[in-house]
Protein backbone atom coordinates (compact mmCIF):
# COMPACT_ATOMS: atom_id res chain seq x y z
CA MET A 1 4.64 21.89 0.22
CA ARG A 2 8.00 21.17 1.89
CA TYR A 3 8.95 17.63 2.91
CA THR A 4 12.02 16.58 4.87
CA LEU A 5 13.64 13.23 4.19
CA SER A 6 12.01 11.89 7.37
CA ASP A 7 8.60 13.08 6.15
CA LEU A 8 9.08 11.24 2.87
CA ALA A 9 10.42 8.08 4.54
CA LEU A 10 7.25 7.92 6.64
CA MET A 11 5.24 7.62 3.42
CA VAL A 12 7.10 4.46 2.37
CA ASP A 13 5.76 0.92 2.47
CA HIS A 14 9.08 -0.91 1.92
CA THR A 15 8.11 -3.94 -0.13
CA ASN A 16 9.17 -7.52 -0.79
CA LEU A 17 6.26 -9.63 -1.98
CA HIS A 18 8.22 -12.08 -4.12
CA ALA A 19 7.31 -15.73 -3.71
CA ASP A 20 10.99 -16.69 -3.50
CA ALA A 21 11.93 -14.12 -0.83
CA THR A 22 14.28 -15.81 1.64
CA GLU A 23 14.49 -15.25 5.37
CA ASP A 24 17.69 -13.29 4.75
CA ASP A 25 15.80 -11.10 2.26
CA LEU A 26 13.12 -10.37 4.84
CA ARG A 27 15.68 -9.66 7.56
CA ARG A 28 17.34 -7.17 5.19
CA LEU A 29 13.96 -5.59 4.39
CA CYS A 30 13.20 -5.07 8.09
CA ASP A 31 16.70 -3.80 8.83
CA GLU A 32 16.44 -1.24 6.02
CA ALA A 33 13.00 -0.15 7.21
CA ARG A 34 14.37 0.48 10.71
CA ARG A 35 17.45 2.26 9.42
CA TYR A 36 15.65 4.61 7.04
CA GLY A 37 12.56 5.18 9.20
CA PHE A 38 10.04 3.77 6.74
CA ARG A 39 6.39 3.52 7.80
CA MET A 40 5.90 -0.15 6.99
CA VAL A 41 7.26 -3.32 5.45
CA ALA A 42 4.88 -4.91 2.95
CA VAL A 43 5.09 -8.70 2.89
CA ASN A 44 2.98 -11.74 2.13
CA SER A 45 0.75 -12.53 5.08
CA VAL A 46 2.61 -15.73 6.00
CA GLN A 47 5.67 -13.60 6.79
CA SER A 48 3.79 -11.42 9.31
CA ARG A 49 5.06 -13.22 12.40
CA LEU A 50 8.72 -13.19 11.38
CA CYS A 51 8.64 -9.50 10.45
CA ALA A 52 6.76 -8.56 13.62
CA GLU A 53 9.49 -10.28 15.64
CA LEU A 54 12.25 -8.57 13.66
CA LEU A 55 10.64 -5.14 14.07
CA ALA A 56 9.64 -5.46 17.72
CA GLY A 57 10.42 -2.27 19.62
CA SER A 58 10.48 -0.13 16.48
CA ASP A 59 7.89 2.23 14.99
CA VAL A 60 7.86 0.30 11.68
CA HIS A 61 4.57 -1.41 10.92
CA VAL A 62 4.11 -4.85 9.39
CA GLY A 63 1.76 -4.83 6.41
CA ALA A 64 0.23 -8.11 5.25
CA ALA A 65 -0.94 -8.57 1.65
CA ILE A 66 -4.24 -10.46 1.59
CA SER A 67 -5.43 -12.64 -1.31
CA PHE A 68 -2.36 -11.44 -3.15
CA PRO A 69 -1.89 -10.78 -6.02
CA LEU A 70 -5.08 -11.93 -7.77
CA GLY A 71 -7.83 -11.29 -5.23
CA GLN A 72 -9.60 -14.44 -6.38
CA THR A 73 -10.56 -15.99 -3.05
CA SER A 74 -13.87 -15.90 -1.23
CA VAL A 75 -14.82 -13.15 1.18
CA ALA A 76 -14.67 -15.67 4.02
CA ALA A 77 -11.14 -16.67 3.03
CA LYS A 78 -10.03 -13.03 2.86
CA VAL A 79 -11.56 -12.29 6.24
CA PHE A 80 -9.87 -15.34 7.76
CA GLU A 81 -6.51 -14.42 6.23
CA THR A 82 -6.88 -10.86 7.53
CA ARG A 83 -7.59 -12.06 11.06
CA ASP A 84 -4.78 -14.61 10.90
CA ALA A 85 -2.28 -11.99 9.71
CA ILE A 86 -3.27 -9.58 12.49
CA GLN A 87 -3.04 -12.33 15.10
CA SER A 88 0.42 -13.13 13.72
CA GLY A 89 1.62 -9.55 14.22
CA ALA A 90 0.53 -7.58 11.14
CA ASN A 91 -0.78 -4.13 11.98
CA GLU A 92 -1.69 -2.96 8.48
CA ILE A 93 -3.64 -4.83 5.80
CA ASP A 94 -3.58 -4.49 1.98
CA TYR A 95 -6.16 -6.68 0.21
CA VAL A 96 -6.98 -7.18 -3.47
CA VAL A 97 -10.58 -6.71 -4.63
CA ASN A 98 -12.36 -9.47 -6.52
CA LEU A 99 -11.97 -8.24 -10.09
CA THR A 100 -14.38 -10.84 -11.49
CA GLU A 101 -17.16 -9.25 -9.42
CA VAL A 102 -16.02 -5.74 -10.39
CA LYS A 103 -16.18 -6.71 -14.08
CA ALA A 104 -19.63 -8.21 -13.52
CA GLY A 105 -20.81 -4.96 -11.96
CA ASN A 106 -21.69 -6.83 -8.78
CA TRP A 107 -21.13 -3.81 -6.58
CA SER A 108 -23.08 -5.19 -3.61
CA TYR A 109 -20.56 -8.07 -3.44
CA VAL A 110 -17.62 -5.68 -3.75
CA ALA A 111 -19.04 -3.42 -1.02
CA ASP A 112 -19.78 -6.33 1.31
CA GLU A 113 -16.27 -7.74 0.86
CA MET A 114 -14.73 -4.33 1.53
CA ALA A 115 -16.94 -3.67 4.56
CA ARG A 116 -16.17 -7.02 6.18
CA ILE A 117 -12.41 -6.69 5.78
CA VAL A 118 -12.38 -3.05 6.87
CA GLU A 119 -14.44 -3.98 9.95
CA VAL A 120 -11.86 -6.57 11.03
CA CYS A 121 -9.11 -3.99 10.56
CA ARG A 122 -10.98 -1.30 12.47
CA ASP A 123 -11.64 -3.65 15.37
CA ALA A 124 -7.90 -4.36 15.52
CA GLY A 125 -6.87 -0.72 15.06
CA ALA A 126 -5.11 -1.64 11.81
CA PRO A 127 -5.12 0.62 8.72
CA SER A 128 -6.82 -1.02 5.73
CA LYS A 129 -5.88 -0.58 2.09
CA VAL A 130 -8.02 -1.67 -0.86
CA ILE A 131 -6.00 -2.63 -3.96
CA PHE A 132 -7.87 -1.83 -7.19
CA GLU A 133 -5.40 -3.16 -9.85
CA ASN A 134 -6.13 -0.18 -12.07
CA CYS A 135 -4.31 -1.49 -15.14
CA LEU A 136 -7.14 -4.04 -15.56
CA LEU A 137 -9.99 -1.56 -14.98
CA THR A 138 -11.92 0.94 -17.06
CA GLN A 139 -12.19 4.55 -15.92
CA ASP A 140 -15.81 3.93 -14.91
CA GLU A 141 -14.82 0.89 -12.82
CA LYS A 142 -12.10 2.86 -11.02
CA ILE A 143 -14.56 5.64 -10.23
CA ARG A 144 -17.24 3.21 -9.05
CA LEU A 145 -14.70 1.51 -6.74
CA CYS A 146 -13.87 4.94 -5.32
CA GLU A 147 -17.56 5.51 -4.70
CA VAL A 148 -17.85 2.19 -2.85
CA ALA A 149 -14.78 3.09 -0.80
CA SER A 150 -16.35 6.46 -0.01
CA GLU A 151 -19.24 4.60 1.62
CA VAL A 152 -17.15 1.97 3.45
CA LEU A 153 -14.24 4.27 4.37
CA PRO A 154 -11.13 2.08 4.35
CA THR A 155 -7.97 3.92 5.37
CA PHE A 156 -6.54 3.88 1.83
CA VAL A 157 -7.39 3.01 -1.74
CA LYS A 158 -4.39 1.67 -3.61
CA THR A 159 -3.53 1.70 -7.30
CA SER A 160 -1.92 -1.67 -7.96
CA THR A 161 -0.31 -4.88 -6.78
CA GLY A 162 2.76 -4.37 -8.96
CA PHE A 163 2.31 -7.93 -10.23
CA SER A 164 -0.02 -7.32 -13.20
CA THR A 165 0.31 -5.58 -16.56
CA GLY A 166 1.00 -2.12 -15.12
CA GLY A 167 1.58 -0.16 -11.95
CA ALA A 168 0.83 3.25 -10.51
CA THR A 169 0.31 6.21 -12.81
CA VAL A 170 0.01 9.87 -11.92
CA GLU A 171 -3.30 9.97 -13.78
CA ASP A 172 -4.76 7.16 -11.68
CA VAL A 173 -3.60 8.72 -8.42
CA ARG A 174 -5.26 11.99 -9.42
CA LEU A 175 -8.44 10.19 -10.47
CA MET A 176 -8.65 8.30 -7.18
CA ARG A 177 -7.93 11.41 -5.14
CA GLU A 178 -10.65 13.28 -7.02
CA HIS A 179 -13.33 10.60 -6.66
CA VAL A 180 -12.79 9.08 -3.22
CA ASP A 181 -13.99 10.67 0.01
CA ALA A 182 -11.47 13.07 1.55
CA ARG A 183 -11.31 10.83 4.64
CA VAL A 184 -9.82 8.03 2.51
CA LYS A 185 -6.16 8.35 1.54
CA VAL A 186 -4.50 7.17 -1.68
CA LYS A 187 -1.58 4.77 -1.90
CA ALA A 188 0.48 4.49 -5.10
CA ALA A 189 2.31 1.22 -5.75
CA GLY A 190 3.86 -0.60 -8.66
CA GLY A 191 6.75 0.54 -10.83
CA ILE A 192 7.89 3.43 -8.62
CA ARG A 193 11.65 3.21 -8.98
CA THR A 194 13.12 6.73 -8.94
CA ALA A 195 12.94 9.88 -6.83
CA ASP A 196 11.09 11.61 -9.67
CA ASP A 197 8.52 8.78 -9.77
CA PHE A 198 8.08 9.06 -6.00
CA LEU A 199 7.66 12.84 -5.94
CA ALA A 200 5.25 12.77 -8.88
CA MET A 201 2.96 10.41 -6.97
CA VAL A 202 3.10 12.63 -3.88
CA ALA A 203 2.32 15.71 -6.00
CA ALA A 204 -0.67 13.88 -7.50
CA GLY A 205 -2.13 13.19 -4.05
CA ALA A 206 -0.63 9.92 -2.81
CA GLU A 207 0.04 9.84 0.94
CA ARG A 208 1.65 6.41 0.97
CA ILE A 209 4.05 4.93 -1.59
CA GLY A 210 4.66 1.20 -1.96
CA CYS A 211 7.99 0.35 -3.55
CA SER A 212 10.92 -2.04 -3.43
CA ALA A 213 13.41 0.62 -4.59
CA SER A 214 12.83 2.60 -1.38
CA VAL A 215 16.49 2.71 -0.29
CA SER A 216 17.84 3.99 -3.60
CA ILE A 217 15.01 6.54 -3.78
CA MET A 218 15.80 7.87 -0.30
CA GLU A 219 19.50 8.04 -1.12
CA GLU A 220 18.74 9.89 -4.35
CA LEU A 221 16.55 12.39 -2.47
CA ALA A 222 19.18 12.87 0.25
CA ALA A 223 21.83 13.56 -2.40
CA ARG A 224 19.60 16.16 -4.08
CA MET A 225 19.02 17.95 -0.78
CA GLU A 226 22.73 17.93 -0.01
CA ARG A 227 23.61 19.37 -3.42
CA ALA A 228 21.00 22.09 -2.96
CA GLY A 229 22.16 22.81 0.60
CA VAL A 230 18.68 22.29 2.05
CA ASP A 231 16.99 19.66 4.23
CA TYR A 232 13.73 19.47 2.30
CA VAL A 233 12.19 19.11 -1.14
CA GLU A 234 9.34 21.18 -2.52
CA VAL A 235 6.44 19.15 -3.93
């Protein structure tokens, strides 16, 4: 399939989730997202209001990370944080599943948590993304989470926070794409630093890419297209 640079930019969740991110860092993040036409900025939920103000009048979404990066808060706390982020200007939500309950095989808890957060997002018209943290999961756990997501139907399932022992892999993206309902999209995030990384995730089935190296990746892709004398890449 052929993708223009604009097509690829619209897959990008331009990310700064560092605890020590300054206001200047966030202003730069939002400015870059506007300039390159990225789909979203991904920030900690407390930064939702600032980023919404900075991006007012643009097509760039504000994505709030909920219970990030560990996912170890109650369902009620996650639901409250989701509502608070949306009220503060976020219009996409990425939340981390409770891995303790996943490891315990408490799938009714996992499904209830997912359903309650997805419901808040649906009511607000906000895409929802469920972060699995695949580097800490078995193959069976990843597949079972995909099955739960196939019942609840969040907008996306997502590979990783980028803050644990590993990030996105092509194999995990393929696995998730194979086992989740076709109505649910796949987001790859964590450790995606080059144009080749980016394109490999797209080829594997990812429709959204979370990365902090977004600008250098877009510049690398633009340079490749220019050298080839075309305005697209084949994936």
